[in-house]
N, C-alpha and C. Protein backbone atom coordinates (compact mmCIF):
# COMPACT_ATOMS: atom_id res chain seq x y z
N MET A 1 0.60 -1.05 -0.09
CA MET A 1 0.13 0.09 -0.03
C MET A 1 0.90 1.40 0.12
N LYS A 2 2.30 1.22 0.94
CA LYS A 2 2.94 2.39 0.87
C LYS A 2 3.40 2.52 -0.36
N THR A 3 3.82 1.60 -1.18
CA THR A 3 4.59 2.00 -2.53
C THR A 3 3.73 2.32 -3.61
N LEU A 4 2.38 1.69 -3.38
CA LEU A 4 1.31 2.44 -4.27
C LEU A 4 1.19 3.89 -4.26
N LYS A 5 1.10 4.23 -2.89
CA LYS A 5 1.07 5.84 -2.59
C LYS A 5 2.29 6.65 -3.09
N LEU A 6 3.50 6.14 -2.95
CA LEU A 6 4.78 6.46 -3.57
C LEU A 6 4.59 6.40 -4.90
N ARG A 7 4.24 5.62 -5.32
CA ARG A 7 4.54 5.60 -6.70
C ARG A 7 3.48 6.41 -7.48
N ASN A 8 2.31 6.67 -6.77
CA ASN A 8 1.33 7.38 -7.27
C ASN A 8 1.57 9.10 -6.99
N ALA A 9 2.34 9.25 -5.84
CA ALA A 9 2.92 10.72 -5.55
C ALA A 9 3.71 10.70 -6.59
N ALA A 10 4.72 9.89 -7.07
CA ALA A 10 5.80 10.39 -8.16
C ALA A 10 5.03 10.54 -9.33
N LEU A 11 3.89 9.70 -9.69
CA LEU A 11 3.40 9.80 -10.97
C LEU A 11 2.84 11.67 -11.11
N ILE A 12 2.31 11.86 -9.99
CA ILE A 12 1.57 13.30 -10.00
C ILE A 12 2.55 14.07 -10.09
N LEU A 13 3.75 13.96 -9.13
CA LEU A 13 4.73 15.04 -9.40
C LEU A 13 5.30 14.94 -10.90
N GLY A 14 5.36 13.97 -11.28
CA GLY A 14 6.28 13.76 -12.87
C GLY A 14 5.23 14.23 -13.58
N SER A 15 3.94 14.31 -13.53
CA SER A 15 3.09 14.91 -14.33
C SER A 15 2.96 16.37 -14.57
N LEU A 16 3.08 16.79 -13.37
CA LEU A 16 3.08 18.31 -13.38
C LEU A 16 4.35 18.98 -13.81
N LEU A 17 5.39 18.02 -13.00
CA LEU A 17 6.86 18.64 -13.62
C LEU A 17 7.18 18.71 -15.22
N PHE A 18 6.44 17.72 -15.80
CA PHE A 18 6.33 17.48 -17.28
C PHE A 18 5.55 18.86 -17.84
N ALA A 19 4.46 19.03 -17.32
CA ALA A 19 3.74 20.38 -17.85
C ALA A 19 4.56 21.54 -17.82
N LEU A 20 5.10 21.70 -16.32
CA LEU A 20 5.91 22.71 -16.16
C LEU A 20 7.25 22.99 -17.33
N VAL A 21 7.85 21.89 -17.51
CA VAL A 21 8.92 21.79 -18.36
C VAL A 21 8.74 21.90 -19.84
N PHE A 22 7.67 21.49 -20.31
CA PHE A 22 7.33 21.40 -21.84
C PHE A 22 6.49 22.21 -22.12
N ALA A 23 6.05 23.05 -21.37
CA ALA A 23 4.53 24.05 -21.94
C ALA A 23 5.30 24.74 -23.05
N PRO A 24 6.49 25.24 -22.40
CA PRO A 24 7.00 26.32 -23.51
C PRO A 24 7.50 25.69 -24.88
N ALA A 25 7.75 24.34 -24.93
CA ALA A 25 8.15 23.61 -26.15
C ALA A 25 6.56 23.68 -26.98
N VAL A 26 5.77 23.68 -26.55
CA VAL A 26 4.30 23.44 -27.14
C VAL A 26 4.02 25.12 -27.72
N GLN A 27 4.31 26.01 -26.93
CA GLN A 27 3.92 27.37 -27.19
C GLN A 27 4.82 27.82 -28.19
N ALA A 28 6.13 27.38 -28.14
CA ALA A 28 7.35 27.46 -29.32
C ALA A 28 7.04 27.26 -30.78
N ARG A 29 6.18 25.75 -30.47
CA ARG A 29 5.80 25.43 -31.83
C ARG A 29 4.54 25.70 -32.52
N GLY A 30 3.96 26.93 -31.90
CA GLY A 30 2.57 27.53 -32.24
C GLY A 30 1.51 27.09 -31.53
N GLY A 31 1.61 26.19 -30.36
CA GLY A 31 0.61 25.72 -29.88
C GLY A 31 0.49 26.61 -28.28
N GLY A 32 -0.81 26.68 -27.62
CA GLY A 32 -0.71 27.16 -26.57
C GLY A 32 -1.02 28.61 -26.58
N HIS A 33 -1.01 29.25 -25.65
CA HIS A 33 -1.23 30.65 -25.65
C HIS A 33 0.02 31.23 -26.17
N LYS A 34 -0.01 32.56 -26.79
CA LYS A 34 0.82 33.37 -27.34
C LYS A 34 1.44 34.23 -26.36
N HIS A 35 2.65 34.65 -26.24
CA HIS A 35 3.14 35.68 -25.53
C HIS A 35 3.96 36.64 -25.93
N ASP A 36 4.61 37.08 -25.71
CA ASP A 36 5.35 38.61 -26.18
C ASP A 36 6.40 38.39 -27.25
N GLY A 37 6.73 37.04 -27.03
CA GLY A 37 8.15 36.87 -27.96
C GLY A 37 9.10 36.71 -27.35
N GLU A 38 9.44 37.41 -25.95
CA GLU A 38 10.39 37.54 -25.42
C GLU A 38 11.09 36.22 -25.06
N ARG A 39 12.24 35.78 -25.38
CA ARG A 39 12.93 34.39 -24.91
C ARG A 39 13.09 34.27 -23.41
N GLY A 40 12.49 33.21 -22.88
CA GLY A 40 12.29 32.78 -21.44
C GLY A 40 11.12 33.62 -20.97
N GLY A 41 10.11 34.13 -21.78
CA GLY A 41 8.86 34.50 -21.09
C GLY A 41 8.21 33.26 -20.46
N ASN A 42 8.23 32.45 -21.31
CA ASN A 42 7.34 31.13 -20.53
C ASN A 42 7.88 30.74 -19.19
N VAL A 43 9.55 30.63 -19.52
CA VAL A 43 10.15 30.20 -17.80
C VAL A 43 9.77 31.29 -16.93
N ASP A 44 9.62 32.41 -17.08
CA ASP A 44 9.24 33.55 -16.14
C ASP A 44 8.09 33.20 -15.61
N GLN A 45 6.88 32.99 -16.65
CA GLN A 45 5.46 32.79 -16.37
C GLN A 45 5.46 31.20 -15.10
N ARG A 46 6.28 30.59 -15.56
CA ARG A 46 6.05 29.15 -14.82
C ARG A 46 6.79 29.56 -13.33
N ILE A 47 7.92 30.23 -13.40
CA ILE A 47 8.60 30.57 -12.23
C ILE A 47 7.55 31.51 -11.13
N GLU A 48 6.69 32.05 -12.01
CA GLU A 48 5.89 32.77 -11.08
C GLU A 48 4.86 32.34 -10.55
N LYS A 49 4.39 31.42 -11.36
CA LYS A 49 3.12 30.31 -10.80
C LYS A 49 3.57 29.42 -9.73
N MET A 50 5.00 28.93 -9.94
CA MET A 50 5.52 28.03 -8.94
C MET A 50 5.66 28.76 -7.69
N THR A 51 6.27 29.96 -7.99
CA THR A 51 6.53 30.95 -6.54
C THR A 51 5.02 31.36 -5.73
N GLU A 52 4.39 31.27 -6.48
CA GLU A 52 2.95 31.69 -5.97
C GLU A 52 2.16 30.57 -5.22
N HIS A 53 2.51 29.34 -5.94
CA HIS A 53 1.41 28.09 -5.39
C HIS A 53 2.46 27.38 -4.36
N LEU A 54 3.92 27.51 -4.33
CA LEU A 54 4.67 26.80 -3.66
C LEU A 54 5.56 27.48 -2.69
N GLU A 55 5.04 28.94 -2.74
CA GLU A 55 6.02 29.86 -2.03
C GLU A 55 7.35 29.58 -2.17
N LEU A 56 8.07 29.79 -3.16
CA LEU A 56 9.38 29.55 -3.51
C LEU A 56 10.40 30.62 -2.93
N SER A 57 11.51 30.52 -2.15
CA SER A 57 12.37 31.41 -1.76
C SER A 57 12.99 32.14 -3.20
N GLY A 58 13.53 33.14 -3.22
CA GLY A 58 14.23 33.76 -4.14
C GLY A 58 15.46 32.88 -4.82
N ASP A 59 15.75 32.37 -3.82
CA ASP A 59 16.99 31.13 -4.19
C ASP A 59 16.80 30.16 -4.80
N GLN A 60 15.49 29.53 -4.44
CA GLN A 60 14.63 28.60 -5.11
C GLN A 60 14.19 28.41 -6.56
N ALA A 61 13.60 29.91 -6.47
CA ALA A 61 13.20 30.25 -8.12
C ALA A 61 14.27 30.46 -8.94
N ASN A 62 15.58 31.01 -8.50
CA ASN A 62 16.65 31.39 -9.28
C ASN A 62 17.19 29.97 -9.67
N GLN A 63 16.94 28.95 -8.75
CA GLN A 63 17.74 27.49 -9.13
C GLN A 63 16.53 26.69 -10.20
N ILE A 64 15.45 27.07 -10.10
CA ILE A 64 14.58 26.27 -10.92
C ILE A 64 14.53 27.07 -12.32
N ARG A 65 14.82 28.30 -12.43
CA ARG A 65 14.79 29.10 -13.50
C ARG A 65 15.99 28.48 -14.21
N VAL A 66 17.05 28.45 -13.54
CA VAL A 66 18.09 27.74 -14.50
C VAL A 66 17.90 26.28 -15.08
N ILE A 67 17.36 25.43 -14.31
CA ILE A 67 16.90 24.19 -14.44
C ILE A 67 16.01 24.14 -15.77
N LEU A 68 15.13 25.10 -15.50
CA LEU A 68 13.92 25.24 -16.87
C LEU A 68 14.48 25.58 -18.06
N GLU A 69 15.37 26.53 -17.96
CA GLU A 69 15.93 27.39 -19.09
C GLU A 69 16.88 26.31 -19.87
N ASN A 70 17.47 25.48 -19.15
CA ASN A 70 18.58 24.29 -19.45
C ASN A 70 17.90 23.33 -20.18
N ALA A 71 16.53 22.86 -19.71
CA ALA A 71 15.76 21.97 -20.32
C ALA A 71 15.03 22.51 -21.50
N GLN A 72 14.92 23.82 -21.48
CA GLN A 72 14.14 24.24 -22.88
C GLN A 72 15.18 24.34 -23.90
N THR A 73 16.26 24.77 -23.62
CA THR A 73 17.53 24.73 -24.64
C THR A 73 17.90 23.51 -25.12
N GLN A 74 17.71 22.56 -24.31
CA GLN A 74 18.04 21.27 -24.68
C GLN A 74 17.05 20.79 -25.62
N ALA A 75 15.86 20.97 -25.17
CA ALA A 75 14.43 20.55 -25.86
C ALA A 75 14.48 21.05 -27.54
N GLU A 76 14.94 22.33 -27.28
CA GLU A 76 14.92 23.03 -28.71
C GLU A 76 16.03 22.48 -29.62
N ALA A 77 17.23 22.59 -29.08
CA ALA A 77 18.40 21.92 -29.84
C ALA A 77 17.62 20.34 -30.30
N LEU A 78 17.21 19.62 -29.68
CA LEU A 78 16.71 18.31 -29.95
C LEU A 78 15.75 18.36 -31.08
N ARG A 79 14.87 19.35 -30.98
CA ARG A 79 13.42 19.48 -31.70
C ARG A 79 14.24 19.96 -33.07
N ASP A 80 15.21 20.62 -32.97
CA ASP A 80 15.71 20.95 -34.44
C ASP A 80 16.58 19.88 -35.26
N GLN A 81 17.06 19.01 -34.59
CA GLN A 81 18.14 17.83 -35.13
C GLN A 81 17.08 17.03 -35.93
N ASP A 82 17.57 16.42 -36.95
CA ASP A 82 17.21 15.41 -37.76
C ASP A 82 17.47 14.17 -37.10
N GLY A 83 16.54 13.29 -37.30
CA GLY A 83 16.79 11.95 -37.01
C GLY A 83 15.44 11.39 -36.52
N ASP A 84 15.92 9.95 -35.87
CA ASP A 84 14.90 9.06 -35.44
C ASP A 84 13.77 9.47 -34.51
N ARG A 85 12.47 9.37 -34.93
CA ARG A 85 11.46 10.10 -33.77
C ARG A 85 11.68 9.34 -32.45
N GLN A 86 11.74 8.08 -32.57
CA GLN A 86 11.77 7.48 -31.17
C GLN A 86 13.05 7.65 -30.13
N ALA A 87 14.03 7.81 -30.73
CA ALA A 87 15.13 8.35 -30.38
C ALA A 87 14.97 9.73 -29.68
N LYS A 88 14.58 10.64 -30.45
CA LYS A 88 14.25 12.07 -29.99
C LYS A 88 13.11 12.04 -29.14
N ARG A 89 12.23 11.10 -29.01
CA ARG A 89 11.45 10.80 -27.83
C ARG A 89 11.79 10.68 -26.57
N GLU A 90 12.64 9.42 -26.96
CA GLU A 90 13.71 8.79 -25.53
C GLU A 90 14.36 10.27 -24.84
N ALA A 91 15.02 11.01 -25.72
CA ALA A 91 16.04 11.81 -25.33
C ALA A 91 15.24 13.06 -24.61
N MET A 92 14.02 13.32 -25.06
CA MET A 92 13.05 14.19 -24.48
C MET A 92 12.65 13.74 -23.12
N ARG A 93 12.37 12.42 -23.05
CA ARG A 93 11.83 11.90 -21.67
C ARG A 93 13.26 12.00 -20.84
N ALA A 94 14.13 11.77 -21.48
CA ALA A 94 15.47 11.90 -20.44
C ALA A 94 15.74 13.39 -19.79
N ILE A 95 15.34 14.32 -20.59
CA ILE A 95 15.41 15.64 -20.52
C ILE A 95 14.36 16.11 -19.26
N ARG A 96 13.30 15.53 -19.44
CA ARG A 96 12.37 15.79 -18.51
C ARG A 96 12.44 15.13 -17.36
N GLU A 97 12.91 13.79 -17.16
CA GLU A 97 13.22 13.31 -15.92
C GLU A 97 14.54 14.02 -15.32
N ASP A 98 15.39 14.29 -15.90
CA ASP A 98 16.50 14.70 -15.48
C ASP A 98 16.12 16.26 -14.61
N SER A 99 15.30 17.18 -15.59
CA SER A 99 14.93 18.21 -14.89
C SER A 99 13.87 18.16 -13.63
N ARG A 100 13.09 17.09 -13.75
CA ARG A 100 12.18 16.78 -12.74
C ARG A 100 12.92 16.35 -11.29
N GLU A 101 13.94 15.67 -11.56
CA GLU A 101 14.87 15.12 -10.17
C GLU A 101 15.29 16.47 -9.72
N GLN A 102 15.81 17.33 -10.69
CA GLN A 102 16.52 18.68 -10.18
C GLN A 102 15.48 19.41 -9.19
N ILE A 103 14.56 19.70 -10.01
CA ILE A 103 13.63 20.68 -9.28
C ILE A 103 13.07 19.85 -8.03
N LYS A 104 12.80 18.55 -7.86
CA LYS A 104 12.55 17.80 -6.60
C LYS A 104 13.47 18.37 -5.78
N ALA A 105 14.64 18.25 -6.05
CA ALA A 105 16.10 18.43 -5.03
C ALA A 105 15.81 19.89 -4.67
N VAL A 106 15.62 20.47 -5.04
CA VAL A 106 15.40 22.07 -4.62
C VAL A 106 14.31 22.31 -3.90
N LEU A 107 13.18 21.41 -3.92
CA LEU A 107 12.08 22.11 -3.11
C LEU A 107 12.03 21.02 -1.67
N ASN A 108 11.58 21.71 -0.83
CA ASN A 108 11.47 21.00 0.49
C ASN A 108 10.14 20.30 0.71
N ALA A 109 9.85 19.39 1.52
CA ALA A 109 9.12 18.33 1.95
C ALA A 109 7.43 19.01 1.55
N GLU A 110 7.47 20.28 2.27
CA GLU A 110 6.13 20.76 2.34
C GLU A 110 5.94 21.35 0.93
N GLN A 111 6.61 21.80 0.06
CA GLN A 111 6.41 22.29 -1.17
C GLN A 111 6.16 20.97 -2.05
N LEU A 112 6.84 20.02 -1.78
CA LEU A 112 6.65 18.80 -2.64
C LEU A 112 5.27 18.17 -2.42
N SER A 113 4.86 18.10 -1.28
CA SER A 113 3.51 17.92 -1.03
C SER A 113 2.31 18.91 -1.76
N LYS A 114 2.81 20.18 -1.43
CA LYS A 114 1.86 20.94 -2.25
C LYS A 114 1.65 20.71 -3.61
N LEU A 115 2.94 20.73 -4.40
CA LEU A 115 3.05 20.09 -5.69
C LEU A 115 2.10 18.96 -5.99
N GLU A 116 2.24 18.02 -5.24
CA GLU A 116 1.57 16.61 -5.51
C GLU A 116 -0.04 16.92 -5.47
N GLU A 117 -0.48 17.90 -4.42
CA GLU A 117 -1.73 18.20 -4.04
C GLU A 117 -2.51 18.98 -5.64
N ILE A 118 -1.53 19.75 -6.07
CA ILE A 118 -1.92 20.65 -7.46
C ILE A 118 -1.96 19.42 -8.57
N ALA A 119 -1.05 18.72 -8.57
CA ALA A 119 -1.01 17.64 -9.68
C ALA A 119 -2.13 16.76 -9.62
N GLU A 120 -2.61 16.44 -8.22
CA GLU A 120 -3.57 15.54 -8.38
C GLU A 120 -4.92 16.12 -8.67
N LYS A 121 -5.07 17.60 -8.34
CA LYS A 121 -6.04 18.27 -8.82
C LYS A 121 -6.28 18.53 -10.48
N ARG A 122 -5.43 18.48 -10.94
CA ARG A 122 -5.22 18.80 -12.33
C ARG A 122 -5.51 17.51 -13.06
N ARG A 123 -4.84 16.44 -12.47
CA ARG A 123 -5.31 15.08 -13.21
C ARG A 123 -6.71 14.64 -12.96
N GLU A 124 -7.50 15.01 -11.85
CA GLU A 124 -8.88 14.82 -11.53
C GLU A 124 -9.80 15.71 -12.68
N ASN A 125 -8.96 16.95 -12.73
CA ASN A 125 -9.92 17.95 -14.13
C ASN A 125 -9.71 17.40 -15.06
N ARG A 126 -8.39 16.73 -15.81
CA ARG A 126 -8.13 16.10 -16.88
C ARG A 126 -9.17 14.95 -17.10
N GLY A 127 -9.37 14.06 -15.84
CA GLY A 127 -10.18 12.83 -16.24
C GLY A 127 -11.56 13.01 -16.67
N GLU A 128 -11.98 14.52 -15.77
CA GLU A 128 -13.28 15.15 -15.93
C GLU A 128 -13.63 15.19 -17.40
N ARG A 129 -12.84 16.01 -17.73
CA ARG A 129 -12.62 16.47 -19.26
C ARG A 129 -12.62 15.48 -19.96
N LYS A 130 -11.89 14.32 -19.92
CA LYS A 130 -11.85 13.17 -20.75
C LYS A 130 -13.23 12.53 -20.93
N GLU A 131 -13.75 12.39 -19.48
CA GLU A 131 -15.10 11.77 -19.35
C GLU A 131 -16.14 12.69 -20.07
N ARG A 132 -16.14 13.89 -20.04
CA ARG A 132 -17.19 14.69 -20.83
C ARG A 132 -17.13 14.52 -22.14
N ARG A 133 -15.48 14.43 -22.81
CA ARG A 133 -15.38 14.31 -24.30
C ARG A 133 -16.14 13.18 -24.53
N GLY A 134 -15.61 11.96 -23.75
CA GLY A 134 -16.31 10.66 -24.23
C GLY A 134 -17.61 10.72 -24.40
N LYS A 135 -18.39 11.24 -23.54
CA LYS A 135 -19.85 11.40 -23.41
C LYS A 135 -20.25 12.28 -24.73
N ARG A 136 -19.76 13.24 -25.07
CA ARG A 136 -20.31 14.00 -26.23
C ARG A 136 -19.71 12.97 -27.71
N GLU A 137 -18.92 12.17 -27.56
CA GLU A 137 -18.26 11.57 -28.76
C GLU A 137 -19.35 10.48 -28.93
N LYS A 138 -19.83 9.80 -27.73
CA LYS A 138 -20.90 8.75 -27.67
C LYS A 138 -22.09 9.19 -28.28
N ARG A 139 -22.44 10.44 -27.95
CA ARG A 139 -23.55 11.27 -28.37
C ARG A 139 -23.76 11.60 -29.94
N GLY A 140 -22.41 11.85 -30.03
CA GLY A 140 -22.32 12.32 -31.84
C GLY A 140 -22.49 11.02 -32.37
N SER A 141 -21.86 9.88 -32.21
CA SER A 141 -22.02 8.63 -33.13
C SER A 141 -23.29 8.18 -32.91
N SER A 142 -24.03 8.35 -31.96
CA SER A 142 -25.47 7.45 -32.03
C SER A 142 -26.44 8.42 -32.72
N GLU A 143 -26.01 9.82 -33.00
CA GLU A 143 -27.02 10.69 -33.55
C GLU A 143 -27.07 10.39 -34.96
N GLN A 144 -25.64 9.88 -35.61
CA GLN A 144 -25.52 9.67 -36.98
C GLN A 144 -26.10 8.62 -37.60
């Protein structure tokens, strides 16, 4: 039971950190919300949100900023390379995992707990949206 809780907590934390690390990559490719075009603007927004929700100290915010900027640079360089999609996917996964571990090392126990709560809420919301979307699709296919 304890390992299941730890696994769930790790999954939640991983999901949130994934979103925090790779949201700029989606936006850089034309997805997501537009920003003023300043490089690092998305990192700044994420640091601002993390500071607000997790009450980061100035030192923690600076450390996480460096981690996120490095991950973003690595992801951009990887995206610009030609090559096998699967290999690129695995490399992206490694970048995310490395960033996730680095960020976790910066946070204290209370902040990690808050991060897990946020991730759980997001996961619940995502599940609800999926459920609603599934109901709409069923309705749409039965009407045809």
